[in-house]
Structure formats: C-alpha cells, structure tokens
C-alpha atoms as a PDB file:
ATOM      1  CA  MET A   1      -0.011  -0.079  -0.030  1.00  0.00           C
ATOM      2  CA  ALA A   2       1.278   3.390  -0.958  1.00  0.00           C
ATOM      3  CA  MET A   3       2.070   5.875   1.930  1.00  0.00           C
ATOM      4  CA  SER A   4       2.258   9.562   1.651  1.00  0.00           C
ATOM      5  CA  PRO A   5       5.740  10.971   1.975  1.00  0.00           C
ATOM      6  CA  ALA A   6       4.312  14.065   3.677  1.00  0.00           C
ATOM      7  CA  LEU A   7       6.453  15.655   6.387  1.00  0.00           C
ATOM      8  CA  SER A   8       5.025  16.617   9.852  1.00  0.00           C
ATOM      9  CA  THR A   9       6.230  20.128   9.059  1.00  0.00           C
ATOM     10  CA  ALA A  10       4.194  20.334   5.950  1.00  0.00           C
ATOM     11  CA  ALA A  11       1.754  23.342   5.709  1.00  0.00           C
ATOM     12  CA  PRO A  12      -1.991  22.750   6.339  1.00  0.00           C
ATOM     13  CA  ALA A  13      -3.895  21.582   3.256  1.00  0.00           C
ATOM     14  CA  ARG A  14      -5.926  24.384   1.415  1.00  0.00           C
ATOM     15  CA  TRP A  15      -9.155  23.697  -0.213  1.00  0.00           C
ATOM     16  CA  GLN A  16      -7.414  23.983  -3.754  1.00  0.00           C
ATOM     17  CA  ASP A  17      -5.368  20.853  -2.764  1.00  0.00           C
ATOM     18  CA  PHE A  18      -8.579  18.870  -2.242  1.00  0.00           C
ATOM     19  CA  VAL A  19      -9.882  20.105  -5.647  1.00  0.00           C
ATOM     20  CA  GLN A  20      -6.665  19.065  -7.332  1.00  0.00           C
ATOM     21  CA  LEU A  21      -7.118  15.567  -5.674  1.00  0.00           C
ATOM     22  CA  LEU A  22     -10.198  15.118  -8.011  1.00  0.00           C
ATOM     23  CA  LYS A  23      -8.121  15.764 -11.193  1.00  0.00           C
ATOM     24  CA  PRO A  24     -10.595  18.497 -12.418  1.00  0.00           C
ATOM     25  CA  ARG A  25      -9.022  18.595 -15.953  1.00  0.00           C
ATOM     26  CA  VAL A  26      -9.718  14.844 -16.409  1.00  0.00           C
ATOM     27  CA  MET A  27     -12.939  15.282 -14.709  1.00  0.00           C
ATOM     28  CA  SER A  28     -14.021  17.815 -17.305  1.00  0.00           C
ATOM     29  CA  LEU A  29     -13.634  15.346 -20.219  1.00  0.00           C
ATOM     30  CA  VAL A  30     -15.519  12.620 -18.366  1.00  0.00           C
ATOM     31  CA  VAL A  31     -18.371  15.062 -17.741  1.00  0.00           C
ATOM     32  CA  PHE A  32     -18.367  16.085 -21.317  1.00  0.00           C
ATOM     33  CA  THR A  33     -18.505  12.377 -22.519  1.00  0.00           C
ATOM     34  CA  GLY A  34     -21.088  11.584 -19.959  1.00  0.00           C
ATOM     35  CA  LEU A  35     -23.283  14.434 -20.990  1.00  0.00           C
ATOM     36  CA  THR A  36     -23.064  13.413 -24.548  1.00  0.00           C
ATOM     37  CA  GLY A  37     -24.179  10.015 -23.713  1.00  0.00           C
ATOM     38  CA  LEU A  38     -27.123  11.328 -21.790  1.00  0.00           C
ATOM     39  CA  ILE A  39     -28.195  13.678 -24.582  1.00  0.00           C
ATOM     40  CA  CYS A  40     -27.653  11.061 -27.371  1.00  0.00           C
ATOM     41  CA  ALA A  41     -29.854   8.556 -25.566  1.00  0.00           C
ATOM     42  CA  GLY A  42     -32.816  10.620 -26.981  1.00  0.00           C
ATOM     43  CA  HIS A  43     -35.007  10.207 -23.894  1.00  0.00           C
ATOM     44  CA  ALA A  44     -36.641  13.237 -22.323  1.00  0.00           C
ATOM     45  CA  VAL A  45     -35.008  13.865 -18.895  1.00  0.00           C
ATOM     46  CA  ASN A  46     -35.963  16.267 -16.233  1.00  0.00           C
ATOM     47  CA  PRO A  47     -33.369  18.955 -16.344  1.00  0.00           C
ATOM     48  CA  ILE A  48     -32.886  18.664 -12.513  1.00  0.00           C
ATOM     49  CA  LEU A  49     -32.327  14.881 -12.676  1.00  0.00           C
ATOM     50  CA  GLY A  50     -30.045  15.333 -15.733  1.00  0.00           C
ATOM     51  CA  ALA A  51     -27.923  17.796 -13.857  1.00  0.00           C
ATOM     52  CA  VAL A  52     -28.022  15.318 -10.902  1.00  0.00           C
ATOM     53  CA  ALA A  53     -26.802  12.501 -13.193  1.00  0.00           C
ATOM     54  CA  ILE A  54     -23.883  14.496 -14.477  1.00  0.00           C
ATOM     55  CA  LEU A  55     -23.092  15.679 -10.875  1.00  0.00           C
ATOM     56  CA  CYS A  56     -22.792  12.010  -9.950  1.00  0.00           C
ATOM     57  CA  ILE A  57     -20.559  11.189 -12.878  1.00  0.00           C
ATOM     58  CA  ALA A  58     -18.374  14.110 -11.960  1.00  0.00           C
ATOM     59  CA  VAL A  59     -18.121  13.110  -8.225  1.00  0.00           C
ATOM     60  CA  GLY A  60     -17.540   9.523  -9.126  1.00  0.00           C
ATOM     61  CA  ALA A  61     -14.632  10.582 -11.425  1.00  0.00           C
ATOM     62  CA  GLY A  62     -13.220  12.770  -8.660  1.00  0.00           C
ATOM     63  CA  ALA A  63     -13.477   9.943  -6.204  1.00  0.00           C
ATOM     64  CA  SER A  64     -11.551   7.538  -8.492  1.00  0.00           C
ATOM     65  CA  ALA A  65      -8.822  10.265  -8.874  1.00  0.00           C
ATOM     66  CA  SER A  66      -8.563  10.891  -5.168  1.00  0.00           C
ATOM     67  CA  LEU A  67      -8.190   7.062  -4.472  1.00  0.00           C
ATOM     68  CA  ASN A  68      -5.664   6.797  -7.275  1.00  0.00           C
ATOM     69  CA  MET A  69      -3.630   9.736  -5.862  1.00  0.00           C
ATOM     70  CA  TRP A  70      -3.666   8.077  -2.512  1.00  0.00           C
ATOM     71  CA  TYR A  71      -2.428   4.748  -3.624  1.00  0.00           C
ATOM     72  CA  ASP A  72       0.076   6.029  -6.193  1.00  0.00           C
ATOM     73  CA  ALA A  73       1.770   8.610  -4.034  1.00  0.00           C
ATOM     74  CA  ASP A  74       4.901   6.685  -3.917  1.00  0.00           C
ATOM     75  CA  ILE A  75       5.474   6.526  -7.653  1.00  0.00           C
ATOM     76  CA  ASP A  76       3.972  10.117  -8.123  1.00  0.00           C
ATOM     77  CA  ALA A  77       6.843  11.464  -5.987  1.00  0.00           C
ATOM     78  CA  LYS A  78       9.346   9.940  -8.373  1.00  0.00           C
ATOM     79  CA  MET A  79       7.911  11.459 -11.545  1.00  0.00           C
ATOM     80  CA  ARG A  80       8.552  14.990 -12.754  1.00  0.00           C
ATOM     81  CA  ARG A  81       4.922  15.276 -14.054  1.00  0.00           C
ATOM     82  CA  THR A  82       3.184  14.150 -11.071  1.00  0.00           C
ATOM     83  CA  ARG A  83       5.647  15.045  -8.006  1.00  0.00           C
ATOM     84  CA  GLY A  84       3.665  18.209  -7.315  1.00  0.00           C
ATOM     85  CA  ARG A  85       0.449  16.514  -6.720  1.00  0.00           C
ATOM     86  CA  PRO A  86      -1.035  17.184  -3.163  1.00  0.00           C
ATOM     87  CA  VAL A  87      -0.121  13.758  -1.645  1.00  0.00           C
ATOM     88  CA  PRO A  88       3.530  13.471  -2.738  1.00  0.00           C
ATOM     89  CA  ALA A  89       4.228  16.989  -2.310  1.00  0.00           C
ATOM     90  CA  GLY A  90       3.086  16.629   1.369  1.00  0.00           C
ATOM     91  CA  ARG A  91       0.203  19.222   1.154  1.00  0.00           C
ATOM     92  CA  VAL A  92      -2.514  16.420   1.884  1.00  0.00           C
ATOM     93  CA  GLN A  93      -2.130  13.339   4.065  1.00  0.00           C
ATOM     94  CA  GLY A  94      -2.844  10.116   2.313  1.00  0.00           C
ATOM     95  CA  ALA A  95      -5.369   9.129   4.880  1.00  0.00           C
ATOM     96  CA  ASP A  96      -7.237  12.250   3.999  1.00  0.00           C
ATOM     97  CA  ALA A  97      -7.286  11.460   0.202  1.00  0.00           C
ATOM     98  CA  LEU A  98      -8.353   7.915   0.929  1.00  0.00           C
ATOM     99  CA  ALA A  99     -11.296   9.134   3.134  1.00  0.00           C
ATOM    100  CA  LEU A 100     -12.305  11.681   0.569  1.00  0.00           C
ATOM    101  CA  GLY A 101     -12.317   9.126  -2.233  1.00  0.00           C
ATOM    102  CA  VAL A 102     -14.387   6.681  -0.267  1.00  0.00           C
ATOM    103  CA  VAL A 103     -17.045   9.155   0.853  1.00  0.00           C
ATOM    104  CA  LEU A 104     -17.449  10.592  -2.612  1.00  0.00           C
ATOM    105  CA  SER A 105     -17.629   7.175  -4.139  1.00  0.00           C
ATOM    106  CA  ILE A 106     -20.499   6.133  -1.896  1.00  0.00           C
ATOM    107  CA  PHE A 107     -22.119   9.540  -2.294  1.00  0.00           C
ATOM    108  CA  SER A 108     -22.121   9.493  -6.104  1.00  0.00           C
ATOM    109  CA  VAL A 109     -23.332   5.851  -6.398  1.00  0.00           C
ATOM    110  CA  MET A 110     -26.168   6.149  -3.898  1.00  0.00           C
ATOM    111  CA  LEU A 111     -27.358   9.458  -5.257  1.00  0.00           C
ATOM    112  CA  MET A 112     -27.309   8.233  -8.759  1.00  0.00           C
ATOM    113  CA  GLY A 113     -29.273   5.051  -7.756  1.00  0.00           C
ATOM    114  CA  MET A 114     -31.938   6.942  -5.849  1.00  0.00           C
ATOM    115  CA  ALA A 115     -32.313   9.784  -8.206  1.00  0.00           C
ATOM    116  CA  LEU A 116     -32.092   8.140 -11.550  1.00  0.00           C
ATOM    117  CA  ASN A 117     -31.745   4.312 -11.814  1.00  0.00           C
ATOM    118  CA  TRP A 118     -29.669   1.519 -10.317  1.00  0.00           C
ATOM    119  CA  LEU A 119     -28.367   0.454 -13.649  1.00  0.00           C
ATOM    120  CA  ALA A 120     -26.458   3.747 -14.174  1.00  0.00           C
ATOM    121  CA  ALA A 121     -25.615   3.486 -10.410  1.00  0.00           C
ATOM    122  CA  GLY A 122     -24.145   0.067 -10.928  1.00  0.00           C
ATOM    123  CA  LEU A 123     -22.106   1.119 -13.978  1.00  0.00           C
ATOM    124  CA  LEU A 124     -20.836   4.090 -12.106  1.00  0.00           C
ATOM    125  CA  ALA A 125     -19.614   1.794  -9.084  1.00  0.00           C
ATOM    126  CA  PHE A 126     -17.963  -0.560 -11.455  1.00  0.00           C
ATOM    127  CA  THR A 127     -16.074   2.207 -13.070  1.00  0.00           C
ATOM    128  CA  ILE A 128     -14.910   3.509  -9.859  1.00  0.00           C
ATOM    129  CA  PHE A 129     -13.744   0.088  -8.783  1.00  0.00           C
ATOM    130  CA  PHE A 130     -12.184  -0.737 -12.109  1.00  0.00           C
ATOM    131  CA  TYR A 131     -10.052   2.571 -12.079  1.00  0.00           C
ATOM    132  CA  ALA A 132      -9.249   2.573  -8.393  1.00  0.00           C
ATOM    133  CA  VAL A 133      -8.563  -1.165  -7.927  1.00  0.00           C
ATOM    134  CA  VAL A 134      -8.181  -3.044 -11.239  1.00  0.00           C
ATOM    135  CA  TYR A 135      -6.120  -0.301 -12.908  1.00  0.00           C
ATOM    136  CA  THR A 136      -4.515   1.570 -10.173  1.00  0.00           C
ATOM    137  CA  VAL A 137      -3.542  -1.391  -7.762  1.00  0.00           C
ATOM    138  CA  TRP A 138      -3.044  -4.082 -10.286  1.00  0.00           C
ATOM    139  CA  LEU A 139      -2.773  -3.140 -13.972  1.00  0.00           C
ATOM    140  CA  LYS A 140      -0.695  -0.017 -13.717  1.00  0.00           C
ATOM    141  CA  ARG A 141       2.212  -1.559 -11.731  1.00  0.00           C
ATOM    142  CA  PHE A 142       2.354  -5.051 -13.361  1.00  0.00           C
ATOM    143  CA  THR A 143       1.678  -5.014 -16.883  1.00  0.00           C
ATOM    144  CA  ALA A 144       2.500  -2.981 -20.059  1.00  0.00           C
ATOM    145  CA  GLN A 145      -1.099  -3.514 -21.119  1.00  0.00           C
ATOM    146  CA  ASN A 146      -2.142  -1.260 -18.286  1.00  0.00           C
ATOM    147  CA  ILE A 147      -3.531   1.607 -20.524  1.00  0.00           C
ATOM    148  CA  VAL A 148      -5.134  -0.878 -22.956  1.00  0.00           C
ATOM    149  CA  ILE A 149      -7.250  -2.748 -20.442  1.00  0.00           C
ATOM    150  CA  GLY A 150      -7.450  -0.050 -17.904  1.00  0.00           C
ATOM    151  CA  GLY A 151      -8.972   2.363 -20.581  1.00  0.00           C
ATOM    152  CA  LEU A 152     -12.343   0.834 -19.978  1.00  0.00           C
ATOM    153  CA  ALA A 153     -12.737   2.991 -16.793  1.00  0.00           C
ATOM    154  CA  GLY A 154     -12.418   6.225 -18.932  1.00  0.00           C
ATOM    155  CA  ALA A 155     -14.486   4.800 -21.712  1.00  0.00           C
ATOM    156  CA  LEU A 156     -17.721   4.062 -19.608  1.00  0.00           C
ATOM    157  CA  PRO A 157     -19.048   7.689 -18.811  1.00  0.00           C
ATOM    158  CA  PRO A 158     -21.118   7.958 -21.877  1.00  0.00           C
ATOM    159  CA  VAL A 159     -22.600   4.584 -21.164  1.00  0.00           C
ATOM    160  CA  ILE A 160     -23.399   5.754 -17.705  1.00  0.00           C
ATOM    161  CA  GLY A 161     -24.948   8.830 -18.945  1.00  0.00           C
ATOM    162  CA  TRP A 162     -27.116   6.930 -21.576  1.00  0.00           C
ATOM    163  CA  ALA A 163     -28.353   4.559 -18.908  1.00  0.00           C
ATOM    164  CA  ALA A 164     -29.132   7.321 -16.523  1.00  0.00           C
ATOM    165  CA  ALA A 165     -31.309   8.911 -19.242  1.00  0.00           C
ATOM    166  CA  SER A 166     -32.983   5.698 -20.705  1.00  0.00           C
ATOM    167  CA  GLY A 167     -32.493   2.834 -18.156  1.00  0.00           C
ATOM    168  CA  SER A 168     -30.974   0.746 -20.946  1.00  0.00           C
ATOM    169  CA  VAL A 169     -27.451   0.490 -22.671  1.00  0.00           C
ATOM    170  CA  PRO A 170     -28.017  -0.285 -26.327  1.00  0.00           C
ATOM    171  CA  LEU A 171     -25.436  -0.733 -29.080  1.00  0.00           C
ATOM    172  CA  ASN A 172     -24.844   3.068 -29.655  1.00  0.00           C
ATOM    173  CA  ALA A 173     -23.953   3.502 -25.989  1.00  0.00           C
ATOM    174  CA  TRP A 174     -21.393   0.885 -26.235  1.00  0.00           C
ATOM    175  CA  LEU A 175     -20.111   2.406 -29.412  1.00  0.00           C
ATOM    176  CA  LEU A 176     -19.396   5.693 -27.769  1.00  0.00           C
ATOM    177  CA  CYS A 177     -17.549   3.486 -25.211  1.00  0.00           C
ATOM    178  CA  ALA A 178     -15.588   1.852 -28.011  1.00  0.00           C
ATOM    179  CA  ILE A 179     -14.376   5.065 -29.410  1.00  0.00           C
ATOM    180  CA  ILE A 180     -12.866   6.175 -26.147  1.00  0.00           C
ATOM    181  CA  PHE A 181     -11.404   2.701 -25.562  1.00  0.00           C
ATOM    182  CA  MET A 182      -9.694   2.571 -28.790  1.00  0.00           C
ATOM    183  CA  TRP A 183      -8.570   6.114 -28.404  1.00  0.00           C
ATOM    184  CA  THR A 184      -6.671   5.574 -25.136  1.00  0.00           C
ATOM    185  CA  PRO A 185      -3.723   3.541 -26.205  1.00  0.00           C
ATOM    186  CA  PRO A 186      -2.501   5.939 -28.939  1.00  0.00           C
ATOM    187  CA  HIS A 187      -3.214   8.856 -26.752  1.00  0.00           C
ATOM    188  CA  PHE A 188      -1.400   7.764 -23.695  1.00  0.00           C
ATOM    189  CA  TRP A 189       1.456   5.842 -25.472  1.00  0.00           C
ATOM    190  CA  ALA A 190       2.329   9.130 -27.419  1.00  0.00           C
ATOM    191  CA  LEU A 191       2.499  10.928 -24.037  1.00  0.00           C
ATOM    192  CA  SER A 192       4.656   8.160 -22.690  1.00  0.00           C
ATOM    193  CA  LEU A 193       7.064   8.307 -25.473  1.00  0.00           C
ATOM    194  CA  TYR A 194       8.415  11.556 -24.246  1.00  0.00           C
ATOM    195  CA  THR A 195       7.929  10.986 -20.479  1.00  0.00           C
ATOM    196  CA  SER A 196       9.435   7.353 -20.464  1.00  0.00           C
ATOM    197  CA  GLU A 197      12.250   8.540 -18.121  1.00  0.00           C
ATOM    198  CA  ASP A 198       9.629   9.112 -15.419  1.00  0.00           C
ATOM    199  CA  TYR A 199       7.930   5.992 -15.863  1.00  0.00           C
ATOM    200  CA  GLU A 200      11.187   4.012 -15.774  1.00  0.00           C
ATOM    201  CA  LYS A 201      12.341   5.842 -12.669  1.00  0.00           C
ATOM    202  CA  ALA A 202       9.107   5.035 -10.904  1.00  0.00           C
ATOM    203  CA  GLY A 203       9.027   1.373 -12.067  1.00  0.00           C
ATOM    204  CA  VAL A 204       5.789   1.720 -13.975  1.00  0.00           C
ATOM    205  CA  PRO A 205       5.870  -0.788 -16.984  1.00  0.00           C
ATOM    206  CA  MET A 206       4.628   1.506 -19.640  1.00  0.00           C
ATOM    207  CA  MET A 207       4.988   0.332 -23.288  1.00  0.00           C
ATOM    208  CA  PRO A 208       8.099   2.363 -24.126  1.00  0.00           C
ATOM    209  CA  VAL A 209       9.833   1.118 -20.946  1.00  0.00           C
ATOM    210  CA  VAL A 210       9.012  -2.534 -21.534  1.00  0.00           C
ATOM    211  CA  ALA A 211       8.904  -2.770 -25.348  1.00  0.00           C
ATOM    212  CA  GLY A 212      11.029   0.117 -26.529  1.00  0.00           C
ATOM    213  CA  ALA A 213      10.212   3.305 -28.398  1.00  0.00           C
ATOM    214  CA  ALA A 214      10.206   1.682 -31.835  1.00  0.00           C
ATOM    215  CA  SER A 215       7.751  -1.015 -30.933  1.00  0.00           C
ATOM    216  CA  THR A 216       5.569   1.524 -29.183  1.00  0.00           C
ATOM    217  CA  ARG A 217       5.597   3.855 -32.173  1.00  0.00           C
ATOM    218  CA  ARG A 218       4.414   0.852 -34.411  1.00  0.00           C
ATOM    219  CA  GLN A 219       1.717  -0.074 -31.920  1.00  0.00           C
ATOM    220  CA  ILE A 220       0.409   3.346 -31.890  1.00  0.00           C
ATOM    221  CA  LEU A 221      -0.008   3.238 -35.711  1.00  0.00           C
ATOM    222  CA  VAL A 222      -1.772   0.070 -35.484  1.00  0.00           C
ATOM    223  CA  TYR A 223      -4.264   1.196 -32.852  1.00  0.00           C
ATOM    224  CA  SER A 224      -4.608   4.334 -34.955  1.00  0.00           C
ATOM    225  CA  LEU A 225      -5.673   2.356 -37.968  1.00  0.00           C
ATOM    226  CA  LEU A 226      -8.162   0.413 -35.800  1.00  0.00           C
ATOM    227  CA  PHE A 227      -9.469   3.482 -33.971  1.00  0.00           C
ATOM    228  CA  THR A 228     -10.256   5.889 -36.912  1.00  0.00           C
ATOM    229  CA  PRO A 229     -12.719   3.540 -38.843  1.00  0.00           C
ATOM    230  CA  ILE A 230     -14.622   2.891 -35.517  1.00  0.00           C
ATOM    231  CA  CYS A 231     -15.117   6.636 -35.178  1.00  0.00           C
ATOM    232  CA  LEU A 232     -17.102   6.470 -38.508  1.00  0.00           C
ATOM    233  CA  LEU A 233     -19.504   3.784 -37.344  1.00  0.00           C
ATOM    234  CA  PRO A 234     -22.077   6.313 -35.634  1.00  0.00           C
ATOM    235  CA  ALA A 235     -22.854   7.455 -39.191  1.00  0.00           C
ATOM    236  CA  PHE A 236     -23.858   3.906 -39.910  1.00  0.00           C
ATOM    237  CA  THR A 237     -25.978   3.208 -36.786  1.00  0.00           C
ATOM    238  CA  GLY A 238     -28.346   6.254 -36.752  1.00  0.00           C
ATOM    239  CA  LEU A 239     -26.271   7.948 -34.092  1.00  0.00           C
ATOM    240  CA  GLY A 240     -24.254  10.524 -36.084  1.00  0.00           C
ATOM    241  CA  GLY A 241     -25.373  12.858 -38.915  1.00  0.00           C
ATOM    242  CA  PRO A 242     -23.599  14.552 -41.859  1.00  0.00           C
ATOM    243  CA  ILE A 243     -21.524  17.019 -39.830  1.00  0.00           C
ATOM    244  CA  TYR A 244     -20.342  14.147 -37.682  1.00  0.00           C
ATOM    245  CA  LEU A 245     -19.357  12.020 -40.650  1.00  0.00           C
ATOM    246  CA  ALA A 246     -17.303  14.833 -42.016  1.00  0.00           C
ATOM    247  CA  VAL A 247     -15.578  15.595 -38.736  1.00  0.00           C
ATOM    248  CA  ALA A 248     -14.890  11.972 -38.088  1.00  0.00           C
ATOM    249  CA  GLY A 249     -13.520  11.366 -41.480  1.00  0.00           C
ATOM    250  CA  LEU A 250     -11.353  14.330 -41.939  1.00  0.00           C
ATOM    251  CA  GLY A 251     -10.185  14.264 -38.338  1.00  0.00           C
ATOM    252  CA  GLY A 252      -9.401  10.520 -38.729  1.00  0.00           C
ATOM    253  CA  LEU A 253      -7.291  11.124 -41.630  1.00  0.00           C
ATOM    254  CA  VAL A 254      -5.232  13.766 -39.865  1.00  0.00           C
ATOM    255  CA  PHE A 255      -4.962  11.372 -36.882  1.00  0.00           C
ATOM    256  CA  VAL A 256      -3.571   8.417 -39.006  1.00  0.00           C
ATOM    257  CA  LEU A 257      -1.126  10.850 -40.828  1.00  0.00           C
ATOM    258  CA  LEU A 258       0.168  12.041 -37.405  1.00  0.00           C
ATOM    259  CA  ALA A 259       0.468   8.327 -36.319  1.00  0.00           C
ATOM    260  CA  ALA A 260       2.393   7.414 -39.558  1.00  0.00           C
ATOM    261  CA  ARG A 261       4.671  10.361 -39.189  1.00  0.00           C
ATOM    262  CA  LEU A 262       5.219   9.266 -35.551  1.00  0.00           C
ATOM    263  CA  ALA A 263       5.999   5.709 -36.504  1.00  0.00           C
ATOM    264  CA  ARG A 264       8.627   6.911 -38.816  1.00  0.00           C
ATOM    265  CA  SER A 265      10.345   9.117 -36.230  1.00  0.00           C
ATOM    266  CA  HIS A 266      12.803   8.552 -33.506  1.00  0.00           C
ATOM    267  CA  ALA A 267      10.454   9.867 -30.727  1.00  0.00           C
ATOM    268  CA  GLY A 268      11.186   8.276 -27.303  1.00  0.00           C
ATOM    269  CA  GLU A 269      14.797   7.214 -28.175  1.00  0.00           C
ATOM    270  CA  ALA A 270      16.566  10.281 -26.713  1.00  0.00           C
ATOM    271  CA  LYS A 271      17.913   9.687 -23.266  1.00  0.00           C
ATOM    272  CA  GLY A 272      18.380  11.970 -20.318  1.00  0.00           C
ATOM    273  CA  GLN A 273      16.241  14.309 -18.294  1.00  0.00           C
ATOM    274  CA  ARG A 274      13.906  16.789 -19.911  1.00  0.00           C
ATOM    275  CA  ASN A 275      14.384  20.356 -18.933  1.00  0.00           C
ATOM    276  CA  ASP A 276      10.741  21.003 -18.174  1.00  0.00           C
ATOM    277  CA  ASP A 277       7.684  19.831 -16.236  1.00  0.00           C
ATOM    278  CA  GLY A 278       5.053  20.396 -18.920  1.00  0.00           C
ATOM    279  CA  LEU A 279       3.277  18.270 -21.375  1.00  0.00           C
ATOM    280  CA  TYR A 280       3.943  20.175 -24.478  1.00  0.00           C
ATOM    281  CA  ASP A 281       7.554  21.552 -24.228  1.00  0.00           C
ATOM    282  CA  VAL A 282       9.517  18.719 -25.462  1.00  0.00           C
ATOM    283  CA  ARG A 283      12.828  17.818 -27.102  1.00  0.00           C
ATOM    284  CA  ALA A 284      12.911  18.210 -30.887  1.00  0.00           C
ATOM    285  CA  GLY A 285      12.990  14.505 -31.566  1.00  0.00           C
ATOM    286  CA  ALA A 286       9.831  14.085 -29.514  1.00  0.00           C
ATOM    287  CA  LYS A 287       7.700  16.658 -31.246  1.00  0.00           C
ATOM    288  CA  ASP A 288       5.926  14.017 -33.433  1.00  0.00           C
ATOM    289  CA  ALA A 289       4.726  12.270 -30.153  1.00  0.00           C
ATOM    290  CA  ARG A 290       3.698  15.535 -28.770  1.00  0.00           C
ATOM    291  CA  ASN A 291       1.789  16.449 -31.832  1.00  0.00           C
ATOM    292  CA  LEU A 292      -0.209  13.239 -31.927  1.00  0.00           C
ATOM    293  CA  PHE A 293      -0.955  13.554 -28.156  1.00  0.00           C
ATOM    294  CA  ALA A 294      -2.220  17.056 -28.496  1.00  0.00           C
ATOM    295  CA  PHE A 295      -4.377  16.280 -31.622  1.00  0.00           C
ATOM    296  CA  SER A 296      -5.731  13.135 -29.982  1.00  0.00           C
ATOM    297  CA  ILE A 297      -7.403  15.358 -27.280  1.00  0.00           C
ATOM    298  CA  LEU A 298      -8.785  17.885 -30.000  1.00  0.00           C
ATOM    299  CA  TYR A 299     -10.000  15.032 -32.206  1.00  0.00           C
ATOM    300  CA  LEU A 300     -12.021  13.253 -29.319  1.00  0.00           C
ATOM    301  CA  THR A 301     -13.460  16.340 -28.143  1.00  0.00           C
ATOM    302  CA  LEU A 302     -14.538  17.336 -31.630  1.00  0.00           C
ATOM    303  CA  LEU A 303     -16.271  13.864 -32.100  1.00  0.00           C
ATOM    304  CA  PHE A 304     -18.250  14.207 -28.969  1.00  0.00           C
ATOM    305  CA  ALA A 305     -19.021  17.968 -29.421  1.00  0.00           C
ATOM    306  CA  THR A 306     -20.296  17.182 -32.845  1.00  0.00           C
ATOM    307  CA  LEU A 307     -22.527  14.410 -31.684  1.00  0.00           C
ATOM    308  CA  LEU A 308     -23.687  16.583 -28.752  1.00  0.00           C
ATOM    309  CA  GLY A 309     -24.329  19.492 -31.088  1.00  0.00           C
ATOM    310  CA  GLU A 310     -26.391  17.520 -33.696  1.00  0.00           C
ATOM    311  CA  HIS A 311     -28.720  15.885 -31.108  1.00  0.00           C
ATOM    312  CA  LEU A 312     -29.228  19.380 -29.416  1.00  0.00           C
ATOM    313  CA  MET A 313     -30.048  20.809 -32.800  1.00  0.00           C
ATOM    314  CA  GLY A 314     -32.025  17.960 -34.029  1.00  0.00           C
ATOM    315  CA  VAL A 315     -29.901  17.145 -36.993  1.00  0.00           C
ATOM    316  CA  THR A 316     -31.405  14.024 -38.685  1.00  0.00           C
ATOM    317  CA  PRO A 317     -28.891  11.004 -38.271  1.00  0.00           C
ATOM    318  CA  LEU A 318     -27.613   9.486 -41.508  1.00  0.00           C
ATOM    319  CA  THR A 319     -28.941   6.154 -42.764  1.00  0.00           C
ATOM    320  CA  LEU A 320     -25.719   4.806 -44.369  1.00  0.00           C
ATOM    321  CA  ALA A 321     -26.190   1.186 -43.294  1.00  0.00           C
ATOM    322  CA  PRO A 322     -25.376  -1.320 -46.054  1.00  0.00           C
ATOM    323  CA  TRP A 323     -28.770  -2.849 -45.964  1.00  0.00           C
ATOM    324  CA  GLU A 324     -30.258   0.477 -46.465  1.00  0.00           C
ATOM    325  CA  LEU A 325     -28.119   1.250 -49.480  1.00  0.00           C
ATOM    326  CA  LEU A 326     -29.210  -1.907 -51.118  1.00  0.00           C
ATOM    327  CA  ARG A 327     -33.016  -1.051 -51.159  1.00  0.00           C
END
C-alpha cells in the first residue's frame, strides 16, 4: 500500500489541494462524454435529474482520482509530471485522500441510484472500482497493457450517462464507449514516449519502458488504424449525422497521418532528463509524439461535441447502413 511521504512540518492543506485531488481537467472530459451519452440517448430527462446524473458522474470521477492519488503517492513522488500533486508534495495526508475518495464514491453511487436508476448507479460503481482497484492497484504496476485494459474506466462515462437517461445501454451507447477505449492507447502511449524516463524511474511498466520506443510507435500506428474506422461507425448506426461524418472522416485522416509520421520518427529514443515539467514543451525529437498526443485530445473532443451538437439541434442522423443502401 502506498504511503504519503508528507512531512510533519508540511503546511496545512488548502481547499485548492483537495480540488486538485479530484483531477479537475480529467473530470471535465469525463463530464463532457457523460453528458454526450445522456443527450444522445434521446429520452426526455427532467433537467434537474439530468444535472444530478452529471453531478454523480463528475463526483464519481473525482472519487476515483482521489483514490488513485492516495495509492500512487509513492510513484507520483518519483515522476516530474506528478511530483507536485497534493499527496506526494506533502500538502494532503494520504489518509485524507483515501477518506475523500471513499466518501465521494459512496455518495455518487447512492445518489445516482436513488435519483435516476440503479443500472446507471451500478455502472458508476463498477467504473470507480475498475479505475481505483483493477487499474491503479493491479494493471498500472504489473503489465504493459495497463493503458489498454484500464482504458475501459475512462470509456464508460457515456454509457453511464445513456443509462441514466434511458435505463438501458443499447449498441450505440457501447459504440461511444468503444471510441474512447480505442482512443486511449495511442493517446497515452504518445505521451509516454516523451515521459518514459519518469515511468522508468518510478518502475511503471509503460509500453516504451517494456517494449522500447520503436515497438511503441508501431503499436500506436496499428491502434490508430483500428481506431479511426470505429469513429465513422456512428454514421452507420443512426447515431451521427452528416456533420459528424465529415468531422470523423477528416479528423481521422489527420490522426492516421500524424501516427504514421510518428512511426517513422525517432520519438522516445533520446535519453536524459527533460528540462521542463510540462506536457507540450519537449525535445525536438519528440515533437511528433507531442503532436499526436495534442491532436488526439482535440479529435476526441470534436467527435463528442459534434454528436452533442447534432442531437441538441435535431440534425437528422444518416442512414448509411449497407442494408439501407441496397434497397
């Protein structure tokens, strides 16, 4: 079990430190994809209950993050990107982060069940457990497939949102999940290519550390080639409209081109400490990895924003299923 390295002389925690425990930037993406699932379900939801559902998804995500920061304090303290987090920096005691995570987990699941339905609550509980236990405790420290399998936790919010609105989880809800699930490996492996020294120092078996940079770049390209066609599928299932098809197609082309360029580069092969703590200021040789990482965030945001916008504006979904075209 990870213990906080906080010193007894550490200054008292501020409320901002507890907010940071919830990983608000990650939470914003979770909330956004969860909202997209809720709206795309196409069921009329009382605005107050809809807001409660999104609140529960946000609180559940924050609970997962707090539990993650409690358990990972030891390895976070060794990595430049995470050493300033509240627990390894000594601003919050590990026991406090654990307590916050447990309380918020129970609160979010029970409120979701009582206010909306227990299917959504069950999915939320599973997501918290999967991230905090399966990914954080097991996968992250013991297998290079940590991101691949663990990506399910980050992919489930739109399914939870859909279930909260409709009480069911049809194919299109799982399609939204599949898009995020397949997006996760190229996104995080691109990041790990230029932060591999951190992971190696902390003993985290990320793909560049275990398989090397060249193998990681090839796997990113393979996943990108699998991921981008999946992004087109909503146009074939009655979920996405013409705007979505254009965004998914053009954005997917750029995604694959960036992945191909990364595969031909030498990103991740330079050794030695970086001179910064940021995500975007990298060595010249790692810029291709940085570019794919940055664009992956933009592309996923555009995909879900387009779906959300089309459903809010009442854009008629496309009917491009093969059996329709044969009529």
